[in-house]
Amino acid sequence: MPELPEVETVRRGLAPIMEGGMIEKAVINRPNLRFPFPDDFVARLEGQKILSVGRRAKYLVLDLASGEVLVMHLGMSGSFRIELVDGVSAPGIFHHPRSDAQKHDHVIISVDGPHGRADIIYNDPRRFGYMDLVARSEMETHKHFAFVGVEPTGNALDGALISKLFAGKSTPLKAALLDQRLIAGLGNIYVCEALWRAGLSPERKASTITRKDGKATKRTDLLARSIREIIASAIEAGGSSLRDHKQTDGSMGYFQHTFNVYDQEGKPCKSTGCNSIIKRIVQSGRSTFYCPTCQR
């Protein structure tokens, strides 16, 4: 499933094409994705100006002039591609061919925007993604967002906040980081990478890096900084193209070539002076990769 950097990469690809544009036409090629489309979905989109293209956690959000917000989740295999009328694809850094499986093109949104007319095509072979329309005034209390935690990309995520969020929690540190009610958008890949960078074991109890008074510790400060840095690096590199993720221009993310621990089982740890081997364990049904020497 795409994680926050992948979704942010998609947002950055869509924004220049869609922001300020008018939705001239919308087409749905099936009655549902993971869930049915909202009532009158097409009619509520057509004729609307797109005020902004944003992201909240792993959701893409298009703010419409109608006062509604188009909420989109990519699920496991969802992706967008942009087809401009003049045949020029959206700008991108990497150049790998995108899928041409048009039978999985489930939603087409035609926009007259800053770069001219374009078709924004949502493709999803597994159909685990979904789209919804939510009143802007109800965003914070809506079921999609009411229990979503703090964003890990800004200054709000610091050592003091992690100390407060994890205080008294006996769950493993990795499980706490994956809890979307605490920190939004973190997934398996970047949690493994951030824990390695911070030198923290995924198995230790979350509460062991906190203080009783809720103030920051050296460990929570380092963890917060590691999360912010790893997310920023992944966004800059275009995300991680594991299996289905693509940027909006069809190119693949490149961050997987810089993984330090994720999917590196049996390989030497990359920490300077460490002679240990990366191990893989299973936590809550997910693979965890870590260095048993560097991470304590």
Protein backbone atom coordinates (compact mmCIF):
# COMPACT_ATOMS: atom_id res chain seq x y z
CA MET A 1 0.00 0.00 0.00
CA PRO A 2 1.40 3.44 -0.87
CA GLU A 3 2.69 5.30 2.15
CA LEU A 4 2.73 9.03 2.83
CA PRO A 5 5.71 9.86 0.55
CA GLU A 6 4.06 8.06 -2.37
CA VAL A 7 0.79 9.91 -1.84
CA GLU A 8 2.60 13.25 -1.49
CA THR A 9 4.50 12.53 -4.70
CA VAL A 10 1.19 11.93 -6.49
CA ARG A 11 -0.25 15.15 -5.03
CA ARG A 12 2.71 17.14 -6.32
CA GLY A 13 2.18 15.66 -9.76
CA LEU A 14 -1.53 16.43 -9.85
CA ALA A 15 -1.46 19.91 -8.36
CA PRO A 16 0.07 21.87 -11.29
CA ILE A 17 -2.41 20.29 -13.71
CA MET A 18 -5.56 20.46 -11.60
CA GLU A 19 -5.37 23.46 -9.25
CA GLY A 20 -7.42 26.34 -10.58
CA GLY A 21 -8.89 24.15 -13.30
CA MET A 22 -12.51 23.35 -14.10
CA ILE A 23 -13.85 19.81 -14.16
CA GLU A 24 -15.51 19.63 -17.56
CA LYS A 25 -16.43 15.96 -17.47
CA ALA A 26 -16.25 12.98 -15.14
CA VAL A 27 -16.64 9.34 -16.14
CA ILE A 28 -16.91 6.28 -13.90
CA ASN A 29 -16.52 2.95 -15.66
CA ARG A 30 -17.94 0.84 -12.86
CA PRO A 31 -20.40 1.43 -9.99
CA ASN A 32 -17.85 0.99 -7.24
CA LEU A 33 -14.24 0.66 -6.21
CA ARG A 34 -13.66 -0.68 -2.71
CA PHE A 35 -16.94 1.06 -1.82
CA PRO A 36 -19.75 2.40 -4.01
CA PHE A 37 -19.33 5.90 -5.36
CA PRO A 38 -21.35 8.61 -3.55
CA ASP A 39 -24.82 9.42 -4.86
CA ASP A 40 -24.76 11.72 -7.92
CA PHE A 41 -20.97 11.50 -7.94
CA VAL A 42 -20.52 12.63 -11.54
CA ALA A 43 -23.05 15.47 -11.33
CA ARG A 44 -21.42 16.79 -8.14
CA LEU A 45 -18.03 16.93 -9.85
CA GLU A 46 -18.83 18.30 -13.27
CA GLY A 47 -18.66 22.07 -13.59
CA GLN A 48 -16.70 22.50 -10.36
CA LYS A 49 -13.55 24.58 -10.03
CA ILE A 50 -10.69 22.88 -8.19
CA LEU A 51 -9.42 25.30 -5.56
CA SER A 52 -6.55 23.18 -4.29
CA VAL A 53 -5.02 19.70 -4.35
CA GLY A 54 -3.97 18.61 -0.87
CA ARG A 55 -3.12 15.60 1.26
CA ARG A 56 -4.14 14.45 4.70
CA ALA A 57 -2.33 11.33 5.92
CA LYS A 58 -2.62 8.87 3.01
CA TYR A 59 -5.62 10.64 1.46
CA LEU A 60 -5.58 12.99 -1.52
CA VAL A 61 -8.08 15.82 -1.10
CA LEU A 62 -9.39 18.10 -3.86
CA ASP A 63 -11.10 21.21 -2.49
CA LEU A 64 -13.98 22.16 -4.81
CA ALA A 65 -15.75 25.49 -5.25
CA SER A 66 -19.05 23.78 -4.32
CA GLY A 67 -17.91 23.50 -0.71
CA GLU A 68 -17.28 19.78 -1.03
CA VAL A 69 -13.96 17.97 -0.96
CA LEU A 70 -13.15 15.03 -3.21
CA VAL A 71 -11.40 12.52 -0.95
CA MET A 72 -9.35 9.82 -2.68
CA HIS A 73 -7.47 6.83 -1.26
CA LEU A 74 -5.15 4.81 -3.49
CA GLY A 75 -5.67 1.52 -1.65
CA MET A 76 -3.05 -1.08 -2.58
CA SER A 77 -2.65 -0.61 -6.32
CA GLY A 78 -4.32 2.69 -7.24
CA SER A 79 -2.45 5.24 -9.34
CA PHE A 80 -3.12 8.29 -11.49
CA ARG A 81 -1.79 9.24 -14.87
CA ILE A 82 -2.16 12.53 -16.70
CA GLU A 83 -2.89 12.66 -20.40
CA LEU A 84 -2.66 16.12 -21.90
CA VAL A 85 -4.53 16.85 -25.12
CA ASP A 86 -1.33 17.78 -26.96
CA GLY A 87 0.20 14.48 -26.01
CA VAL A 88 2.81 15.89 -23.59
CA SER A 89 2.87 13.95 -20.37
CA ALA A 90 3.22 15.63 -17.01
CA PRO A 91 6.79 16.54 -16.02
CA GLY A 92 8.69 13.96 -14.00
CA ILE A 93 12.18 13.03 -12.89
CA PHE A 94 12.24 9.32 -13.75
CA HIS A 95 11.39 7.76 -17.08
CA HIS A 96 9.99 4.23 -16.97
CA PRO A 97 6.98 3.06 -19.01
CA ARG A 98 3.66 3.07 -17.17
CA SER A 99 1.07 0.35 -17.35
CA ASP A 100 -1.21 0.39 -20.38
CA ALA A 101 -3.87 -1.84 -18.77
CA GLN A 102 -6.75 0.42 -19.72
CA LYS A 103 -9.30 -2.13 -18.53
CA HIS A 104 -8.41 -0.92 -15.03
CA ASP A 105 -9.10 2.75 -15.84
CA HIS A 106 -12.06 3.20 -13.50
CA VAL A 107 -12.39 6.99 -13.18
CA ILE A 108 -11.59 9.70 -15.73
CA ILE A 109 -11.75 13.37 -14.73
CA SER A 110 -11.34 15.83 -17.60
CA VAL A 111 -9.98 19.18 -16.48
CA ASP A 112 -9.45 22.48 -18.26
CA GLY A 113 -6.58 23.81 -16.19
CA PRO A 114 -3.38 25.88 -16.20
CA HIS A 115 -1.69 23.51 -18.69
CA GLY A 116 -4.73 23.22 -20.94
CA ARG A 117 -7.14 20.34 -21.14
CA ALA A 118 -6.11 17.09 -19.52
CA ASP A 119 -7.59 13.74 -18.58
CA ILE A 120 -6.76 12.62 -15.05
CA ILE A 121 -7.16 8.85 -15.08
CA TYR A 122 -7.46 6.68 -11.99
CA ASN A 123 -6.27 3.12 -12.57
CA ASP A 124 -6.68 0.44 -9.91
CA PRO A 125 -6.31 -3.27 -10.78
CA ARG A 126 -7.19 -4.50 -7.28
CA ARG A 127 -9.90 -1.89 -6.64
CA PHE A 128 -8.97 -1.39 -2.97
CA GLY A 129 -8.92 2.36 -3.43
CA TYR A 130 -11.99 4.55 -3.04
CA MET A 131 -13.38 8.03 -3.58
CA ASP A 132 -15.82 10.05 -1.53
CA LEU A 133 -17.30 13.54 -1.43
CA VAL A 134 -17.29 15.26 1.95
CA ALA A 135 -18.53 18.70 2.97
CA ARG A 136 -15.54 20.93 3.70
CA SER A 137 -17.10 21.98 7.01
CA GLU A 138 -17.28 18.34 8.14
CA MET A 139 -13.74 17.28 7.21
CA GLU A 140 -12.24 17.17 10.69
CA THR A 141 -15.14 15.19 12.15
CA HIS A 142 -15.77 12.91 9.18
CA LYS A 143 -15.10 9.18 9.60
CA HIS A 144 -12.10 9.37 7.24
CA PHE A 145 -10.28 11.94 9.38
CA ALA A 146 -11.78 12.09 12.88
CA PHE A 147 -9.21 9.72 14.37
CA VAL A 148 -6.20 10.56 12.21
CA GLY A 149 -3.11 11.60 14.11
CA VAL A 150 -0.52 14.34 13.62
CA GLU A 151 1.24 14.77 10.27
CA PRO A 152 4.89 13.66 10.38
CA THR A 153 6.12 16.22 7.85
CA GLY A 154 5.93 19.43 9.86
CA ASN A 155 7.32 20.88 13.06
CA ALA A 156 4.36 19.54 15.07
CA LEU A 157 6.08 16.16 15.27
CA ASP A 158 8.88 16.63 17.78
CA GLY A 159 10.40 14.76 20.67
CA ALA A 160 7.99 16.19 23.21
CA LEU A 161 4.95 15.11 21.22
CA ILE A 162 6.26 11.57 20.72
CA SER A 163 6.99 11.39 24.43
CA LYS A 164 3.41 12.43 25.16
CA LEU A 165 1.87 10.07 22.58
CA PHE A 166 3.86 7.02 23.69
CA ALA A 167 3.75 7.56 27.45
CA GLY A 168 2.46 4.48 29.25
CA LYS A 169 2.18 2.41 26.07
CA SER A 170 3.39 -1.16 26.43
CA THR A 171 3.00 -1.94 22.72
CA PRO A 172 6.17 -2.44 20.67
CA LEU A 173 7.67 0.76 19.37
CA LYS A 174 7.05 -0.21 15.76
CA ALA A 175 3.35 -0.88 16.43
CA ALA A 176 2.98 2.50 18.10
CA LEU A 177 4.54 4.25 15.09
CA LEU A 178 2.16 2.44 12.73
CA ASP A 179 -0.89 3.50 14.75
CA GLN A 180 -2.56 6.03 12.45
CA ARG A 181 -4.44 7.50 15.41
CA LEU A 182 -1.13 8.73 16.79
CA ILE A 183 0.95 9.66 13.74
CA ALA A 184 -0.67 9.83 10.32
CA GLY A 185 0.68 8.29 7.15
CA LEU A 186 3.59 6.23 8.44
CA GLY A 187 3.81 2.72 7.00
CA ASN A 188 6.00 -0.32 7.27
CA ILE A 189 8.81 0.83 4.99
CA TYR A 190 9.54 4.19 6.55
CA VAL A 191 9.03 3.04 10.13
CA CYS A 192 11.71 0.39 9.62
CA GLU A 193 14.02 2.97 8.08
CA ALA A 194 13.38 5.62 10.74
CA LEU A 195 13.96 3.18 13.61
CA TRP A 196 17.27 2.09 12.09
CA ARG A 197 18.35 5.70 11.67
CA ALA A 198 17.39 6.46 15.28
CA GLY A 199 19.12 3.31 16.58
CA LEU A 200 15.95 2.04 18.28
CA SER A 201 14.76 -1.54 18.41
CA PRO A 202 11.32 -2.16 16.88
CA GLU A 203 10.64 -4.61 19.72
CA ARG A 204 11.18 -2.34 22.71
CA LYS A 205 8.11 -0.98 24.49
CA ALA A 206 7.06 2.42 23.23
CA SER A 207 6.96 3.84 26.74
CA THR A 208 10.65 3.09 27.33
CA ILE A 209 11.78 6.06 25.24
CA THR A 210 9.56 8.55 27.11
CA ARG A 211 9.69 10.44 30.41
CA LYS A 212 6.97 10.36 33.03
CA ASP A 213 6.62 14.14 32.90
CA GLY A 214 5.96 13.99 29.15
CA LYS A 215 9.03 16.00 28.20
CA ALA A 216 11.27 15.09 25.30
CA THR A 217 14.15 12.67 25.69
CA LYS A 218 17.25 12.20 23.55
CA ARG A 219 15.59 9.12 22.04
CA THR A 220 12.28 10.84 21.22
CA ASP A 221 14.10 13.85 19.76
CA LEU A 222 16.23 11.58 17.58
CA LEU A 223 13.23 9.50 16.51
CA ALA A 224 11.21 12.59 15.54
CA ARG A 225 14.11 13.96 13.53
CA SER A 226 14.70 10.58 11.86
CA ILE A 227 11.04 10.32 10.82
CA ARG A 228 10.99 13.81 9.34
CA GLU A 229 14.26 13.25 7.50
CA ILE A 230 13.34 9.85 6.07
CA ILE A 231 9.95 11.11 4.86
CA ALA A 232 11.52 14.20 3.27
CA SER A 233 14.19 12.10 1.53
CA ALA A 234 11.59 9.69 0.17
CA ILE A 235 9.41 12.51 -1.17
CA GLU A 236 12.43 14.12 -2.81
CA ALA A 237 13.33 10.81 -4.46
CA GLY A 238 9.80 10.29 -5.77
CA GLY A 239 8.61 7.66 -3.32
CA SER A 240 9.31 3.94 -3.24
CA SER A 241 8.11 1.90 -6.19
CA LEU A 242 7.31 -1.43 -4.61
CA ARG A 243 4.95 -3.41 -6.83
CA ASP A 244 2.29 -0.96 -8.00
CA HIS A 245 3.25 2.58 -7.00
CA LYS A 246 3.88 5.06 -9.81
CA GLN A 247 4.13 8.81 -9.97
CA THR A 248 1.53 10.66 -12.01
CA ASP A 249 3.78 10.78 -15.07
CA GLY A 250 4.06 7.00 -15.02
CA SER A 251 7.63 6.99 -13.75
CA MET A 252 8.77 4.92 -10.81
CA GLY A 253 9.99 6.17 -7.46
CA TYR A 254 13.66 5.75 -6.69
CA PHE A 255 13.90 5.68 -2.91
CA GLN A 256 14.05 1.86 -2.73
CA HIS A 257 17.62 2.09 -4.01
CA THR A 258 18.60 3.80 -0.76
CA PHE A 259 16.95 1.41 1.70
CA ASN A 260 19.20 0.74 4.68
CA VAL A 261 17.23 -2.05 6.32
CA TYR A 262 13.89 -2.58 4.60
CA ASP A 263 13.99 -5.82 2.58
CA GLN A 264 17.72 -6.13 3.34
CA GLU A 265 17.55 -9.38 5.33
CA GLY A 266 20.90 -11.15 5.48
CA LYS A 267 22.88 -8.17 4.21
CA PRO A 268 25.51 -6.29 6.23
CA CYS A 269 24.34 -3.33 8.29
CA LYS A 270 25.34 -0.05 6.66
CA SER A 271 26.20 1.69 9.93
CA THR A 272 29.85 2.69 10.07
CA GLY A 273 31.85 0.17 12.06
CA CYS A 274 28.97 -2.30 12.46
CA ASN A 275 29.67 -5.89 11.45
CA SER A 276 26.16 -7.18 12.10
CA ILE A 277 23.67 -8.62 9.63
CA ILE A 278 20.16 -7.25 9.03
CA LYS A 279 17.48 -9.51 10.52
CA ARG A 280 13.82 -9.98 9.63
CA ILE A 281 11.10 -10.70 12.17
CA VAL A 282 7.32 -10.64 11.92
CA GLN A 283 5.31 -8.20 14.03
CA SER A 284 1.52 -8.11 13.79
CA GLY A 285 1.70 -9.97 10.51
CA ARG A 286 4.19 -7.57 8.93
CA SER A 287 7.86 -8.00 8.17
CA THR A 288 10.21 -5.93 10.27
CA PHE A 289 13.82 -5.41 9.21
CA TYR A 290 16.41 -4.16 11.71
CA CYS A 291 19.97 -4.42 12.94
CA PRO A 292 20.15 -6.33 16.25
CA THR A 293 23.44 -4.60 17.12
CA CYS A 294 22.78 -0.96 16.24
CA GLN A 295 19.15 -0.84 17.33
CA ARG A 296 18.54 -1.10 21.05
